[in-house]
N, C-alpha and C. Protein backbone atom coordinates (compact mmCIF):
# COMPACT_ATOMS: atom_id res chain seq x y z
N UNK A 1 123.47 105.74 99.47
CA UNK A 1 123.25 106.72 100.52
C UNK A 1 124.12 106.33 101.71
N UNK A 2 125.16 107.11 101.98
CA UNK A 2 126.05 106.77 103.07
C UNK A 2 125.83 107.63 104.31
N UNK A 3 124.96 108.62 104.24
CA UNK A 3 124.65 109.45 105.40
C UNK A 3 123.13 109.62 105.51
N UNK A 4 122.64 109.72 106.75
CA UNK A 4 121.20 109.93 106.91
C UNK A 4 120.78 111.28 106.34
N UNK A 5 119.52 111.37 105.98
CA UNK A 5 118.97 112.61 105.43
C UNK A 5 118.50 113.55 106.53
N UNK A 6 118.02 114.70 106.11
CA UNK A 6 117.51 115.70 107.04
C UNK A 6 116.05 115.41 107.39
N UNK A 7 115.71 115.72 108.61
CA UNK A 7 114.35 115.52 109.11
C UNK A 7 113.88 116.81 109.77
N UNK A 8 112.58 117.04 109.70
CA UNK A 8 111.98 118.15 110.42
C UNK A 8 111.29 117.54 111.65
N UNK A 9 111.64 118.07 112.82
CA UNK A 9 111.09 117.55 114.08
C UNK A 9 110.21 118.60 114.72
N UNK A 10 109.20 118.14 115.43
CA UNK A 10 108.32 119.01 116.20
C UNK A 10 108.30 118.50 117.62
N UNK A 11 108.80 119.33 118.53
CA UNK A 11 108.72 119.03 119.96
C UNK A 11 107.60 119.91 120.50
N UNK A 12 106.61 119.29 121.16
CA UNK A 12 105.46 120.09 121.59
C UNK A 12 104.86 119.57 122.90
N UNK A 13 104.14 120.47 123.54
CA UNK A 13 103.35 120.17 124.74
C UNK A 13 102.05 120.95 124.61
N UNK A 14 100.97 120.31 125.01
CA UNK A 14 99.67 120.97 124.99
C UNK A 14 98.95 120.70 126.30
N UNK A 15 98.16 121.67 126.74
CA UNK A 15 97.40 121.44 127.97
C UNK A 15 96.39 120.32 127.78
N UNK A 16 96.11 119.58 128.86
CA UNK A 16 95.14 118.49 128.79
C UNK A 16 93.73 119.00 128.55
N UNK A 17 93.40 120.13 129.11
CA UNK A 17 92.06 120.71 128.93
C UNK A 17 92.20 122.10 128.34
N UNK A 18 91.38 122.48 127.42
CA UNK A 18 90.37 121.65 126.78
C UNK A 18 91.03 120.63 125.84
N UNK A 19 90.38 119.52 125.65
CA UNK A 19 90.98 118.43 124.88
C UNK A 19 90.82 118.60 123.37
N UNK A 20 89.85 119.40 122.93
CA UNK A 20 89.59 119.53 121.49
C UNK A 20 90.82 120.01 120.70
N UNK A 21 91.55 121.04 121.14
CA UNK A 21 92.74 121.43 120.36
C UNK A 21 93.80 120.34 120.32
N UNK A 22 93.97 119.63 121.42
CA UNK A 22 94.96 118.55 121.48
C UNK A 22 94.59 117.43 120.51
N UNK A 23 93.32 117.09 120.47
CA UNK A 23 92.85 116.03 119.56
C UNK A 23 92.99 116.48 118.11
N UNK A 24 92.67 117.76 117.84
CA UNK A 24 92.80 118.27 116.47
C UNK A 24 94.25 118.20 116.00
N UNK A 25 95.19 118.56 116.86
CA UNK A 25 96.61 118.49 116.51
C UNK A 25 97.01 117.04 116.28
N UNK A 26 96.60 116.14 117.16
CA UNK A 26 96.92 114.72 117.01
C UNK A 26 96.44 114.21 115.65
N UNK A 27 95.21 114.57 115.27
CA UNK A 27 94.66 114.11 113.98
C UNK A 27 95.46 114.67 112.81
N UNK A 28 95.85 115.92 112.89
CA UNK A 28 96.64 116.52 111.80
C UNK A 28 98.00 115.84 111.68
N UNK A 29 98.60 115.54 112.81
CA UNK A 29 99.89 114.83 112.77
C UNK A 29 99.73 113.44 112.17
N UNK A 30 98.63 112.77 112.50
CA UNK A 30 98.37 111.44 111.91
C UNK A 30 98.19 111.55 110.40
N UNK A 31 97.45 112.58 109.95
CA UNK A 31 97.25 112.76 108.50
C UNK A 31 98.56 113.02 107.79
N UNK A 32 99.51 113.65 108.46
CA UNK A 32 100.83 113.88 107.86
C UNK A 32 101.67 112.62 107.82
N UNK A 33 101.35 111.64 108.67
CA UNK A 33 102.12 110.39 108.69
C UNK A 33 103.41 110.50 109.48
N UNK A 34 103.42 111.31 110.53
CA UNK A 34 104.65 111.53 111.31
C UNK A 34 105.15 110.26 111.97
N UNK A 35 106.44 110.24 112.22
CA UNK A 35 107.05 109.19 113.04
C UNK A 35 106.99 109.71 114.48
N UNK A 36 106.50 108.89 115.37
CA UNK A 36 106.45 109.24 116.79
C UNK A 36 107.79 108.83 117.40
N UNK A 37 108.59 109.82 117.74
CA UNK A 37 109.94 109.58 118.23
C UNK A 37 110.03 109.55 119.75
N UNK A 38 109.05 110.08 120.39
CA UNK A 38 109.00 110.13 121.85
C UNK A 38 107.76 110.88 122.27
N UNK A 39 107.57 111.02 123.56
CA UNK A 39 106.41 111.75 124.07
C UNK A 39 106.54 113.22 123.67
N UNK A 40 105.63 113.68 122.82
CA UNK A 40 105.67 115.07 122.38
C UNK A 40 106.75 115.37 121.37
N UNK A 41 107.26 114.36 120.69
CA UNK A 41 108.28 114.55 119.67
C UNK A 41 107.95 113.72 118.44
N UNK A 42 107.76 114.40 117.31
CA UNK A 42 107.44 113.72 116.06
C UNK A 42 108.39 114.21 114.98
N UNK A 43 108.52 113.43 113.91
CA UNK A 43 109.41 113.80 112.83
C UNK A 43 108.91 113.36 111.47
N UNK A 44 109.37 114.06 110.45
CA UNK A 44 109.10 113.74 109.05
C UNK A 44 110.37 114.01 108.25
N UNK A 45 110.57 113.28 107.13
CA UNK A 45 111.67 113.64 106.25
C UNK A 45 111.52 115.10 105.83
N UNK A 46 112.59 115.86 105.87
CA UNK A 46 112.52 117.30 105.61
C UNK A 46 112.45 117.61 104.12
N UNK A 47 111.46 118.37 103.75
CA UNK A 47 111.37 119.02 102.45
C UNK A 47 110.51 120.27 102.67
N UNK A 48 110.35 121.07 101.64
CA UNK A 48 109.62 122.33 101.80
C UNK A 48 108.19 122.10 102.28
N UNK A 49 107.53 121.08 101.74
CA UNK A 49 106.14 120.80 102.10
C UNK A 49 106.01 120.37 103.56
N UNK A 50 106.83 119.40 103.98
CA UNK A 50 106.70 118.92 105.36
C UNK A 50 107.10 120.01 106.34
N UNK A 51 108.11 120.80 106.02
CA UNK A 51 108.52 121.90 106.90
C UNK A 51 107.37 122.89 107.08
N UNK A 52 106.73 123.27 105.98
CA UNK A 52 105.62 124.21 106.05
C UNK A 52 104.47 123.65 106.88
N UNK A 53 104.13 122.39 106.67
CA UNK A 53 103.03 121.78 107.39
C UNK A 53 103.33 121.68 108.88
N UNK A 54 104.54 121.33 109.24
CA UNK A 54 104.92 121.25 110.64
C UNK A 54 104.91 122.65 111.26
N UNK A 55 105.36 123.65 110.52
CA UNK A 55 105.30 125.03 111.02
C UNK A 55 103.86 125.45 111.31
N UNK A 56 102.93 125.10 110.42
CA UNK A 56 101.52 125.44 110.64
C UNK A 56 100.99 124.78 111.91
N UNK A 57 101.33 123.53 112.10
CA UNK A 57 100.86 122.82 113.29
C UNK A 57 101.49 123.43 114.55
N UNK A 58 102.75 123.82 114.47
CA UNK A 58 103.40 124.46 115.62
C UNK A 58 102.68 125.75 115.98
N UNK A 59 102.28 126.53 114.98
CA UNK A 59 101.53 127.75 115.24
C UNK A 59 100.19 127.43 115.90
N UNK A 60 99.53 126.40 115.43
CA UNK A 60 98.25 125.99 116.00
C UNK A 60 98.41 125.57 117.46
N UNK A 61 99.49 124.89 117.76
CA UNK A 61 99.75 124.44 119.13
C UNK A 61 99.94 125.64 120.05
N UNK A 62 100.74 126.61 119.62
CA UNK A 62 100.95 127.78 120.47
C UNK A 62 99.67 128.60 120.60
N UNK A 63 98.88 128.67 119.54
CA UNK A 63 97.60 129.39 119.62
C UNK A 63 96.65 128.69 120.59
N UNK A 64 96.81 127.38 120.76
CA UNK A 64 95.96 126.61 121.67
C UNK A 64 96.49 126.58 123.10
N UNK A 65 97.49 127.42 123.40
CA UNK A 65 98.02 127.48 124.76
C UNK A 65 99.17 126.53 125.04
N UNK A 66 99.68 125.87 124.01
CA UNK A 66 100.78 124.94 124.20
C UNK A 66 102.10 125.56 123.81
N UNK A 67 103.13 124.74 123.81
CA UNK A 67 104.45 125.19 123.36
C UNK A 67 104.93 124.25 122.26
N UNK A 68 105.62 124.83 121.29
CA UNK A 68 106.09 124.03 120.16
C UNK A 68 107.40 124.60 119.63
N UNK A 69 108.30 123.70 119.28
CA UNK A 69 109.57 124.07 118.68
C UNK A 69 109.80 123.17 117.47
N UNK A 70 110.15 123.79 116.36
CA UNK A 70 110.45 123.05 115.13
C UNK A 70 111.96 122.98 114.99
N UNK A 71 112.45 121.78 114.71
CA UNK A 71 113.89 121.53 114.57
C UNK A 71 114.17 120.89 113.22
N UNK A 72 115.32 121.18 112.68
CA UNK A 72 115.84 120.45 111.53
C UNK A 72 117.00 119.63 112.06
N UNK A 73 116.97 118.33 111.80
CA UNK A 73 117.97 117.45 112.40
C UNK A 73 118.31 116.32 111.44
N UNK A 74 119.40 115.64 111.78
CA UNK A 74 119.86 114.46 111.05
C UNK A 74 120.01 113.33 112.06
N UNK A 75 119.44 112.15 111.80
CA UNK A 75 119.65 111.03 112.72
C UNK A 75 121.15 110.75 112.87
N UNK A 76 121.51 110.20 114.01
CA UNK A 76 122.91 109.94 114.31
C UNK A 76 123.55 108.88 113.44
N UNK A 77 122.74 108.00 112.86
CA UNK A 77 123.30 106.94 112.00
C UNK A 77 122.26 106.50 110.98
N UNK A 78 122.74 105.82 109.96
CA UNK A 78 121.81 105.25 108.97
C UNK A 78 120.89 104.22 109.61
N UNK A 79 121.41 103.47 110.59
CA UNK A 79 120.58 102.46 111.26
C UNK A 79 119.42 103.12 111.99
N UNK A 80 119.67 104.25 112.63
CA UNK A 80 118.59 104.95 113.31
C UNK A 80 117.56 105.47 112.31
N UNK A 81 118.03 106.02 111.21
CA UNK A 81 117.10 106.52 110.19
C UNK A 81 116.29 105.36 109.61
N UNK A 82 116.94 104.24 109.36
CA UNK A 82 116.23 103.06 108.83
C UNK A 82 115.15 102.59 109.79
N UNK A 83 115.44 102.62 111.10
CA UNK A 83 114.45 102.20 112.10
C UNK A 83 113.23 103.12 112.08
N UNK A 84 113.46 104.41 111.94
CA UNK A 84 112.35 105.37 111.87
C UNK A 84 111.56 105.13 110.58
N UNK A 85 112.27 104.96 109.47
CA UNK A 85 111.61 104.73 108.19
C UNK A 85 110.79 103.44 108.22
N UNK A 86 111.32 102.40 108.85
CA UNK A 86 110.58 101.13 108.94
C UNK A 86 109.31 101.28 109.77
N UNK A 87 109.37 102.09 110.83
CA UNK A 87 108.19 102.36 111.64
C UNK A 87 107.12 103.05 110.78
N UNK A 88 107.53 104.05 110.01
CA UNK A 88 106.59 104.77 109.16
C UNK A 88 106.06 103.86 108.06
N UNK A 89 106.93 103.05 107.49
CA UNK A 89 106.53 102.13 106.42
C UNK A 89 105.52 101.10 106.93
N UNK A 90 105.71 100.61 108.14
CA UNK A 90 104.78 99.63 108.71
C UNK A 90 103.39 100.23 108.88
N UNK A 91 103.33 101.49 109.28
CA UNK A 91 102.03 102.15 109.43
C UNK A 91 101.33 102.28 108.08
N UNK A 92 102.07 102.66 107.04
CA UNK A 92 101.46 102.77 105.72
C UNK A 92 101.08 101.39 105.18
N UNK A 93 101.91 100.38 105.45
CA UNK A 93 101.61 99.02 105.00
C UNK A 93 100.24 98.59 105.52
N UNK A 94 99.98 98.85 106.79
CA UNK A 94 98.70 98.47 107.39
C UNK A 94 97.55 99.20 106.70
N UNK A 95 97.76 100.46 106.34
CA UNK A 95 96.70 101.21 105.65
C UNK A 95 96.45 100.64 104.25
N UNK A 96 97.51 100.32 103.52
CA UNK A 96 97.34 99.73 102.19
C UNK A 96 96.67 98.36 102.29
N UNK A 97 97.04 97.57 103.28
CA UNK A 97 96.42 96.26 103.45
C UNK A 97 94.92 96.38 103.71
N UNK A 98 94.51 97.40 104.46
CA UNK A 98 93.09 97.62 104.71
C UNK A 98 92.35 97.96 103.41
N UNK A 99 92.99 98.75 102.56
CA UNK A 99 92.39 99.09 101.26
C UNK A 99 92.24 97.83 100.42
N UNK A 100 93.25 96.97 100.42
CA UNK A 100 93.19 95.72 99.66
C UNK A 100 92.04 94.85 100.16
N UNK A 101 91.91 94.72 101.46
CA UNK A 101 90.83 93.91 102.05
C UNK A 101 89.47 94.47 101.64
N UNK A 102 89.31 95.79 101.71
CA UNK A 102 88.03 96.40 101.36
C UNK A 102 87.72 96.23 99.88
N UNK A 103 88.74 96.35 99.03
CA UNK A 103 88.52 96.17 97.58
C UNK A 103 88.10 94.73 97.28
N UNK A 104 88.76 93.78 97.90
CA UNK A 104 88.43 92.37 97.65
C UNK A 104 87.05 92.03 98.20
N UNK A 105 86.67 92.65 99.31
CA UNK A 105 85.34 92.39 99.89
C UNK A 105 84.23 92.90 98.97
N UNK A 106 84.52 93.91 98.16
CA UNK A 106 83.50 94.48 97.27
C UNK A 106 83.47 93.83 95.89
N UNK A 107 84.35 92.87 95.63
CA UNK A 107 84.43 92.27 94.30
C UNK A 107 83.13 91.63 93.84
N UNK A 108 82.35 91.06 94.75
CA UNK A 108 81.12 90.39 94.35
C UNK A 108 79.90 91.29 94.31
N UNK A 109 80.07 92.58 94.58
CA UNK A 109 78.95 93.52 94.61
C UNK A 109 78.48 93.88 93.20
N UNK A 110 77.30 94.48 93.13
CA UNK A 110 76.78 94.96 91.84
C UNK A 110 77.65 96.10 91.33
N UNK A 111 77.55 96.39 90.04
CA UNK A 111 78.40 97.38 89.37
C UNK A 111 78.34 98.75 90.06
N UNK A 112 77.16 99.22 90.40
CA UNK A 112 77.03 100.54 91.03
C UNK A 112 77.73 100.60 92.38
N UNK A 113 77.57 99.56 93.17
CA UNK A 113 78.22 99.52 94.48
C UNK A 113 79.74 99.40 94.31
N UNK A 114 80.17 98.59 93.37
CA UNK A 114 81.61 98.45 93.10
C UNK A 114 82.20 99.80 92.72
N UNK A 115 81.48 100.56 91.90
CA UNK A 115 81.96 101.87 91.47
C UNK A 115 82.07 102.82 92.67
N UNK A 116 81.07 102.81 93.55
CA UNK A 116 81.12 103.67 94.74
C UNK A 116 82.30 103.29 95.64
N UNK A 117 82.47 101.99 95.85
CA UNK A 117 83.57 101.53 96.69
C UNK A 117 84.92 101.89 96.04
N UNK A 118 85.02 101.69 94.72
CA UNK A 118 86.27 102.02 94.01
C UNK A 118 86.59 103.51 94.15
N UNK A 119 85.59 104.37 94.00
CA UNK A 119 85.80 105.81 94.15
C UNK A 119 86.28 106.15 95.56
N UNK A 120 85.65 105.57 96.55
CA UNK A 120 86.02 105.83 97.95
C UNK A 120 87.45 105.33 98.21
N UNK A 121 87.78 104.15 97.70
CA UNK A 121 89.11 103.59 97.93
C UNK A 121 90.19 104.36 97.17
N UNK A 122 89.86 104.89 95.98
CA UNK A 122 90.83 105.72 95.26
C UNK A 122 91.14 106.99 96.05
N UNK A 123 90.11 107.58 96.64
CA UNK A 123 90.33 108.78 97.47
C UNK A 123 91.18 108.42 98.69
N UNK A 124 90.92 107.27 99.28
CA UNK A 124 91.71 106.83 100.43
C UNK A 124 93.16 106.57 100.01
N UNK A 125 93.37 105.97 98.84
CA UNK A 125 94.73 105.75 98.35
C UNK A 125 95.48 107.07 98.22
N UNK A 126 94.83 108.10 97.70
CA UNK A 126 95.48 109.41 97.57
C UNK A 126 95.86 109.96 98.93
N UNK A 127 94.97 109.81 99.92
CA UNK A 127 95.27 110.30 101.27
C UNK A 127 96.47 109.56 101.86
N UNK A 128 96.49 108.25 101.70
CA UNK A 128 97.60 107.46 102.24
C UNK A 128 98.90 107.82 101.53
N UNK A 129 98.87 107.99 100.21
CA UNK A 129 100.08 108.30 99.46
C UNK A 129 100.68 109.64 99.86
N UNK A 130 99.86 110.60 100.28
CA UNK A 130 100.39 111.90 100.72
C UNK A 130 101.27 111.76 101.95
N UNK A 131 101.05 110.71 102.75
CA UNK A 131 101.86 110.54 103.96
C UNK A 131 102.80 109.33 103.84
N UNK A 132 102.96 108.83 102.63
CA UNK A 132 103.79 107.65 102.40
C UNK A 132 105.16 108.07 101.90
N UNK A 133 106.10 108.20 102.82
CA UNK A 133 107.45 108.64 102.48
C UNK A 133 108.37 107.48 102.13
N UNK A 134 108.00 106.27 102.56
CA UNK A 134 108.81 105.06 102.33
C UNK A 134 107.88 103.95 101.85
N UNK A 135 107.47 103.98 100.57
CA UNK A 135 106.42 103.08 100.08
C UNK A 135 106.74 101.60 100.23
N UNK A 136 105.83 100.85 100.85
CA UNK A 136 105.97 99.39 100.92
C UNK A 136 105.43 98.74 99.64
N UNK A 137 105.71 97.46 99.46
CA UNK A 137 105.22 96.72 98.29
C UNK A 137 103.70 96.72 98.23
N UNK A 138 103.04 96.83 99.37
CA UNK A 138 101.58 96.80 99.41
C UNK A 138 100.96 98.00 98.70
N UNK A 139 101.73 99.03 98.47
CA UNK A 139 101.20 100.20 97.74
C UNK A 139 100.75 99.78 96.35
N UNK A 140 101.61 99.08 95.62
CA UNK A 140 101.25 98.62 94.27
C UNK A 140 100.10 97.63 94.32
N UNK A 141 100.09 96.76 95.30
CA UNK A 141 99.01 95.78 95.43
C UNK A 141 97.68 96.48 95.70
N UNK A 142 97.69 97.55 96.48
CA UNK A 142 96.46 98.30 96.75
C UNK A 142 95.94 98.95 95.47
N UNK A 143 96.84 99.54 94.70
CA UNK A 143 96.43 100.14 93.42
C UNK A 143 95.84 99.07 92.50
N UNK A 144 96.48 97.93 92.44
CA UNK A 144 96.00 96.86 91.58
C UNK A 144 94.62 96.38 92.04
N UNK A 145 94.41 96.25 93.34
CA UNK A 145 93.12 95.78 93.86
C UNK A 145 92.01 96.77 93.53
N UNK A 146 92.30 98.06 93.62
CA UNK A 146 91.28 99.08 93.31
C UNK A 146 91.03 99.11 91.81
N UNK A 147 92.08 98.98 90.99
CA UNK A 147 91.89 98.92 89.53
C UNK A 147 91.05 97.70 89.16
N UNK A 148 91.33 96.56 89.78
CA UNK A 148 90.57 95.34 89.48
C UNK A 148 89.10 95.53 89.85
N UNK A 149 88.83 96.24 90.91
CA UNK A 149 87.47 96.51 91.33
C UNK A 149 86.74 97.38 90.31
N UNK A 150 87.48 98.22 89.62
CA UNK A 150 86.92 99.16 88.65
C UNK A 150 86.88 98.61 87.23
N UNK A 151 87.55 97.50 86.99
CA UNK A 151 87.73 97.01 85.63
C UNK A 151 86.45 96.38 85.07
N UNK A 152 86.24 96.54 83.76
CA UNK A 152 85.12 95.85 83.11
C UNK A 152 85.42 94.36 83.00
N UNK A 153 84.37 93.54 82.81
CA UNK A 153 84.57 92.08 82.76
C UNK A 153 85.57 91.64 81.69
N UNK A 154 85.63 92.32 80.54
CA UNK A 154 86.53 91.89 79.48
C UNK A 154 88.00 92.12 79.83
N UNK A 155 88.28 92.86 80.91
CA UNK A 155 89.66 93.11 81.32
C UNK A 155 90.11 92.07 82.33
N UNK A 156 89.48 90.90 82.32
CA UNK A 156 89.78 89.87 83.33
C UNK A 156 91.25 89.50 83.36
N UNK A 157 91.93 89.57 82.23
CA UNK A 157 93.34 89.24 82.21
C UNK A 157 94.22 90.34 82.77
N UNK A 158 93.64 91.49 83.05
CA UNK A 158 94.41 92.64 83.51
C UNK A 158 94.11 92.95 84.98
N UNK A 159 94.00 91.92 85.81
CA UNK A 159 93.81 92.14 87.23
C UNK A 159 92.39 91.93 87.69
N UNK A 160 91.41 91.97 86.79
CA UNK A 160 90.02 91.74 87.18
C UNK A 160 89.71 90.26 87.07
N UNK A 161 88.75 89.81 87.84
CA UNK A 161 88.36 88.41 87.78
C UNK A 161 87.25 88.22 86.77
N UNK A 162 87.25 87.07 86.11
CA UNK A 162 86.21 86.76 85.13
C UNK A 162 84.86 86.77 85.81
N UNK A 163 83.86 87.31 85.10
CA UNK A 163 82.50 87.33 85.63
C UNK A 163 82.20 88.53 86.51
N UNK A 164 83.17 89.42 86.73
CA UNK A 164 82.90 90.60 87.54
C UNK A 164 82.12 91.61 86.71
N UNK A 165 81.18 92.27 87.40
CA UNK A 165 80.42 93.31 86.73
C UNK A 165 81.31 94.52 86.54
N UNK A 166 81.11 95.25 85.44
CA UNK A 166 81.91 96.44 85.22
C UNK A 166 81.34 97.24 84.08
N UNK A 167 81.79 98.47 83.94
CA UNK A 167 81.32 99.38 82.93
C UNK A 167 82.55 99.97 82.27
N UNK A 168 82.73 99.74 80.97
CA UNK A 168 83.93 100.21 80.28
C UNK A 168 84.11 101.71 80.37
N UNK A 169 83.01 102.49 80.25
CA UNK A 169 83.12 103.94 80.35
C UNK A 169 83.56 104.35 81.75
N UNK A 170 83.01 103.67 82.75
CA UNK A 170 83.40 103.98 84.14
C UNK A 170 84.87 103.66 84.34
N UNK A 171 85.32 102.52 83.82
CA UNK A 171 86.72 102.14 83.98
C UNK A 171 87.63 103.16 83.32
N UNK A 172 87.25 103.68 82.15
CA UNK A 172 88.05 104.69 81.47
C UNK A 172 88.12 105.97 82.29
N UNK A 173 86.98 106.38 82.86
CA UNK A 173 86.96 107.57 83.71
C UNK A 173 87.84 107.36 84.94
N UNK A 174 87.77 106.17 85.50
CA UNK A 174 88.56 105.86 86.70
C UNK A 174 90.04 105.94 86.37
N UNK A 175 90.46 105.37 85.23
CA UNK A 175 91.86 105.41 84.85
C UNK A 175 92.31 106.84 84.62
N UNK A 176 91.45 107.67 83.99
CA UNK A 176 91.79 109.08 83.79
C UNK A 176 91.94 109.79 85.13
N UNK A 177 91.03 109.51 86.06
CA UNK A 177 91.09 110.15 87.37
C UNK A 177 92.33 109.72 88.13
N UNK A 178 92.73 108.45 88.00
CA UNK A 178 93.94 107.99 88.68
C UNK A 178 95.16 108.71 88.16
N UNK A 179 95.20 108.96 86.86
CA UNK A 179 96.35 109.65 86.30
C UNK A 179 96.41 111.11 86.72
N UNK A 180 95.25 111.72 87.01
CA UNK A 180 95.22 113.14 87.37
C UNK A 180 95.28 113.34 88.87
N UNK A 181 95.34 112.29 89.67
CA UNK A 181 95.23 112.43 91.11
C UNK A 181 96.56 112.58 91.82
N UNK A 182 97.50 113.31 91.27
CA UNK A 182 98.79 113.47 91.91
C UNK A 182 98.66 114.22 93.22
N UNK A 183 99.17 113.66 94.31
CA UNK A 183 98.97 114.27 95.60
C UNK A 183 99.94 115.40 95.93
N UNK A 184 101.02 115.58 95.19
CA UNK A 184 102.01 116.59 95.54
C UNK A 184 101.40 117.99 95.47
N UNK A 185 101.89 118.84 96.35
CA UNK A 185 101.51 120.23 96.32
C UNK A 185 100.21 120.56 97.00
N UNK A 186 99.58 119.58 97.60
CA UNK A 186 98.30 119.82 98.26
C UNK A 186 98.55 120.17 99.70
N UNK A 187 98.02 121.27 100.13
CA UNK A 187 98.18 121.68 101.52
C UNK A 187 97.10 121.06 102.36
N UNK A 188 97.38 120.85 103.64
CA UNK A 188 96.39 120.32 104.56
C UNK A 188 95.84 121.44 105.41
């Protein structure tokens, strides 16, 4: 890659009061995993999905009494694009690390609790992956930690620890659900 890619940018301003629309927009931008480029300026790698989502948020901002402009742009250099990507990657890394910590904390729990925690963490993994444009190594480690939490005791050599409680049928269902949980194409 010798040239930076295209990005969709949102430049916006919202009134301070009422605060509810401003907070709702902030939360939606966080769920998208935007890069904060400046005060009132956010960006995402451009594709049809991110463009559509940013357009929806821009409409919401104007409906809430604010102003919003959507731009398609290219960073001035690869170094600038790398810096933005590293910022986004660091945010996702922290989210994956939190999932790993939670999975490891639940390893000693009873089978039913482990299953509940595994289900919750799998859902969280899907949410994080939807906003993960530059996957860090921790992504694979988070998947492995959640799989280990779901694994039956006989799968100890496959990421689970010996002596962990588990249910083979539950583990099979979990693996099937992981394979069907593709995040692409989901609108927010």
